[in-house]
Amino acid sequence: MLSAAPAVAQGCAMCYSTAKATSKDGQRAITRGVIILAIPPLTVMTLGIGLAFRYGRRRDQDHEREGILSRE
């Protein structure tokens, strides 16, 4: 997941040729930069999904409690 595998039809030719022409250290720096730039959106997305599941579980538990109380 963290590798910089080539993707079909992603990026412009100028960006690709410039990145390809850099040294191995430069290519590693570009890869690290992409990973660092991906961390904030992935974190926000993970937190959002976690909160959604937590809210859904709590809502289901509340509905179960209401169902038990209304039967008594």
C-alpha atoms as a PDB file:
ATOM      1  CA  MET A   1       0.000   0.000   0.000  1.00  0.00           C
ATOM      2  CA  LEU A   2       2.823   2.382   0.784  1.00  0.00           C
ATOM      3  CA  SER A   3       4.836   1.595  -2.326  1.00  0.00           C
ATOM      4  CA  ALA A   4       4.933   3.970  -5.236  1.00  0.00           C
ATOM      5  CA  ALA A   5       3.660   1.544  -7.846  1.00  0.00           C
ATOM      6  CA  PRO A   6       3.044   3.061 -11.275  1.00  0.00           C
ATOM      7  CA  ALA A   7      -0.579   3.815 -11.995  1.00  0.00           C
ATOM      8  CA  VAL A   8      -2.131   3.892 -15.446  1.00  0.00           C
ATOM      9  CA  ALA A   9      -3.167   7.372 -16.655  1.00  0.00           C
ATOM     10  CA  GLN A  10      -2.166   9.101 -13.425  1.00  0.00           C
ATOM     11  CA  GLY A  11      -0.219  12.354 -13.589  1.00  0.00           C
ATOM     12  CA  CYS A  12       1.082  14.412 -16.445  1.00  0.00           C
ATOM     13  CA  ALA A  13       3.993  13.436 -18.661  1.00  0.00           C
ATOM     14  CA  MET A  14       6.080  16.399 -17.508  1.00  0.00           C
ATOM     15  CA  CYS A  15       5.711  15.463 -13.812  1.00  0.00           C
ATOM     16  CA  TYR A  16       6.519  11.833 -14.583  1.00  0.00           C
ATOM     17  CA  SER A  17       9.631  12.654 -16.623  1.00  0.00           C
ATOM     18  CA  THR A  18      10.879  15.149 -14.014  1.00  0.00           C
ATOM     19  CA  ALA A  19      10.408  12.664 -11.171  1.00  0.00           C
ATOM     20  CA  LYS A  20      11.983   9.861 -13.210  1.00  0.00           C
ATOM     21  CA  ALA A  21      15.027  12.038 -13.999  1.00  0.00           C
ATOM     22  CA  THR A  22      15.840  12.684 -10.336  1.00  0.00           C
ATOM     23  CA  SER A  23      18.375  10.654  -8.411  1.00  0.00           C
ATOM     24  CA  LYS A  24      17.388   7.682  -6.240  1.00  0.00           C
ATOM     25  CA  ASP A  25      17.506   9.956  -3.177  1.00  0.00           C
ATOM     26  CA  GLY A  26      15.217  12.419  -4.921  1.00  0.00           C
ATOM     27  CA  GLN A  27      12.783   9.656  -5.851  1.00  0.00           C
ATOM     28  CA  ARG A  28      12.768   8.446  -2.228  1.00  0.00           C
ATOM     29  CA  ALA A  29      12.067  12.022  -1.096  1.00  0.00           C
ATOM     30  CA  ILE A  30       9.134  12.288  -3.515  1.00  0.00           C
ATOM     31  CA  THR A  31       7.749   8.967  -2.260  1.00  0.00           C
ATOM     32  CA  ARG A  32       8.060  10.096   1.371  1.00  0.00           C
ATOM     33  CA  GLY A  33       6.417  13.404   0.503  1.00  0.00           C
ATOM     34  CA  VAL A  34       3.455  11.656  -1.070  1.00  0.00           C
ATOM     35  CA  ILE A  35       3.079   9.413   1.975  1.00  0.00           C
ATOM     36  CA  ILE A  36       3.308  12.386   4.345  1.00  0.00           C
ATOM     37  CA  LEU A  37       0.699  14.275   2.333  1.00  0.00           C
ATOM     38  CA  ALA A  38      -1.612  11.232   2.436  1.00  0.00           C
ATOM     39  CA  ILE A  39      -1.517  10.895   6.238  1.00  0.00           C
ATOM     40  CA  PRO A  40      -3.922  13.763   7.188  1.00  0.00           C
ATOM     41  CA  PRO A  41      -6.774  12.746   4.836  1.00  0.00           C
ATOM     42  CA  LEU A  42      -6.422   9.085   5.817  1.00  0.00           C
ATOM     43  CA  THR A  43      -6.491  10.046   9.500  1.00  0.00           C
ATOM     44  CA  VAL A  44      -9.606  12.168   9.109  1.00  0.00           C
ATOM     45  CA  MET A  45     -11.312   9.462   7.062  1.00  0.00           C
ATOM     46  CA  THR A  46     -10.413   6.771   9.620  1.00  0.00           C
ATOM     47  CA  LEU A  47     -11.695   8.889  12.505  1.00  0.00           C
ATOM     48  CA  GLY A  48     -14.912   9.646  10.609  1.00  0.00           C
ATOM     49  CA  ILE A  49     -15.571   5.989   9.882  1.00  0.00           C
ATOM     50  CA  GLY A  50     -14.757   5.053  13.484  1.00  0.00           C
ATOM     51  CA  LEU A  51     -17.136   7.678  14.841  1.00  0.00           C
ATOM     52  CA  ALA A  52     -19.858   6.555  12.433  1.00  0.00           C
ATOM     53  CA  PHE A  53     -19.579   2.943  13.610  1.00  0.00           C
ATOM     54  CA  ARG A  54     -19.519   4.069  17.236  1.00  0.00           C
ATOM     55  CA  TYR A  55     -22.623   6.218  16.726  1.00  0.00           C
ATOM     56  CA  GLY A  56     -24.395   3.380  14.921  1.00  0.00           C
ATOM     57  CA  ARG A  57     -23.582   0.862  17.654  1.00  0.00           C
ATOM     58  CA  ARG A  58     -24.777   3.271  20.354  1.00  0.00           C
ATOM     59  CA  ARG A  59     -27.971   3.977  18.410  1.00  0.00           C
ATOM     60  CA  ASP A  60     -28.660   0.244  18.048  1.00  0.00           C
ATOM     61  CA  GLN A  61     -28.121  -0.294  21.774  1.00  0.00           C
ATOM     62  CA  ASP A  62     -30.513   2.571  22.590  1.00  0.00           C
ATOM     63  CA  HIS A  63     -33.166   1.074  20.295  1.00  0.00           C
ATOM     64  CA  GLU A  64     -32.747  -2.316  21.968  1.00  0.00           C
ATOM     65  CA  ARG A  65     -33.166  -0.720  25.409  1.00  0.00           C
ATOM     66  CA  GLU A  66     -36.263   1.158  24.274  1.00  0.00           C
ATOM     67  CA  GLY A  67     -37.724  -2.059  22.870  1.00  0.00           C
ATOM     68  CA  ILE A  68     -37.130  -3.901  26.135  1.00  0.00           C
ATOM     69  CA  LEU A  69     -38.594  -1.070  28.208  1.00  0.00           C
ATOM     70  CA  SER A  70     -41.684  -0.703  26.014  1.00  0.00           C
ATOM     71  CA  ARG A  71     -42.447  -4.432  26.313  1.00  0.00           C
ATOM     72  CA  GLU A  72     -42.560  -4.300  30.127  1.00  0.00           C
END
